[in-house]
Protein backbone atom coordinates (compact mmCIF):
# COMPACT_ATOMS: atom_id res chain seq x y z
CA MET A 1 3.15 19.88 -7.75
CA ASP A 2 4.04 16.48 -6.27
CA LYS A 3 3.98 13.41 -8.46
CA LYS A 4 1.59 10.64 -7.53
CA PRO A 5 3.39 7.31 -6.92
CA TRP A 6 1.92 5.60 -10.00
CA GLU A 7 3.28 8.41 -12.21
CA SER A 8 6.88 7.41 -11.37
CA GLY A 9 6.69 3.98 -12.99
CA ILE A 10 5.81 0.46 -12.00
CA LEU A 11 6.63 -1.11 -8.66
CA ARG A 12 9.38 -3.66 -9.20
CA VAL A 13 12.31 -5.34 -7.48
CA HIS A 14 15.57 -3.46 -8.03
CA GLU A 15 18.30 -5.09 -10.15
CA ASN A 16 20.33 -5.85 -7.01
CA LYS A 17 17.32 -7.83 -5.59
CA ARG A 18 17.54 -5.97 -2.27
CA TYR A 19 14.58 -3.56 -2.39
CA PHE A 20 11.57 -2.34 -4.36
CA THR A 21 11.65 0.66 -6.64
CA ASN A 22 8.90 2.83 -8.03
CA GLY A 23 10.41 3.80 -11.36
CA ASP A 24 13.93 4.84 -10.33
CA THR A 25 12.95 5.79 -6.77
CA PRO A 26 13.33 3.34 -3.84
CA PHE A 27 9.91 2.34 -2.44
CA PHE A 28 9.50 2.21 1.33
CA TRP A 29 6.97 -0.52 2.15
CA LEU A 30 5.03 0.47 5.29
CA ALA A 31 2.32 -2.16 5.60
CA ASP A 32 -0.48 -3.18 7.90
CA THR A 33 -2.29 -6.51 7.88
CA ALA A 34 -6.05 -6.67 7.64
CA TRP A 35 -6.47 -10.28 6.62
CA LEU A 36 -10.21 -10.48 7.24
CA MET A 37 -11.12 -6.93 6.22
CA PHE A 38 -13.32 -8.05 3.30
CA GLN A 39 -15.03 -10.80 5.28
CA ARG A 40 -15.62 -9.03 8.59
CA LEU A 41 -15.99 -5.27 7.98
CA THR A 42 -18.87 -3.34 6.49
CA LEU A 43 -18.15 -0.97 3.62
CA GLU A 44 -18.29 2.00 6.02
CA GLU A 45 -15.89 0.31 8.47
CA THR A 46 -13.52 -0.51 5.60
CA TYR A 47 -13.44 3.11 4.42
CA ARG A 48 -12.84 4.29 8.00
CA TYR A 49 -10.00 1.78 8.43
CA LEU A 50 -8.33 2.72 5.13
CA ARG A 51 -8.61 6.46 5.84
CA ASN A 52 -7.08 5.90 9.27
CA ARG A 53 -4.13 3.97 7.82
CA LYS A 54 -3.60 6.61 5.12
CA GLU A 55 -3.49 9.34 7.79
CA LYS A 56 -0.86 7.29 9.65
CA GLY A 57 1.32 7.01 6.53
CA TYR A 58 0.77 3.38 5.58
CA ASN A 59 1.14 2.73 1.85
CA VAL A 60 0.41 -1.03 1.70
CA ILE A 61 -2.49 -3.01 3.18
CA LEU A 62 -2.26 -6.79 3.14
CA ALA A 63 -5.68 -8.43 2.99
CA ASP A 64 -7.10 -11.80 2.05
CA PHE A 65 -9.77 -11.80 -0.63
CA LEU A 66 -11.81 -14.98 -1.04
């Protein structure tokens, strides 16, 4: 059974300050920007967008919350 990411430890900057780690494992940050997601999309559109990004392998979404 695969471990879920949050079961490996907290996300932090490695001691060498060059990359993130999740516990002891390097974390690959594959992000998309959706700055106005909370202001412009309906709840249904937001779910559709997040499912789409998950299917494409994104693991970080950058959004602005006001």
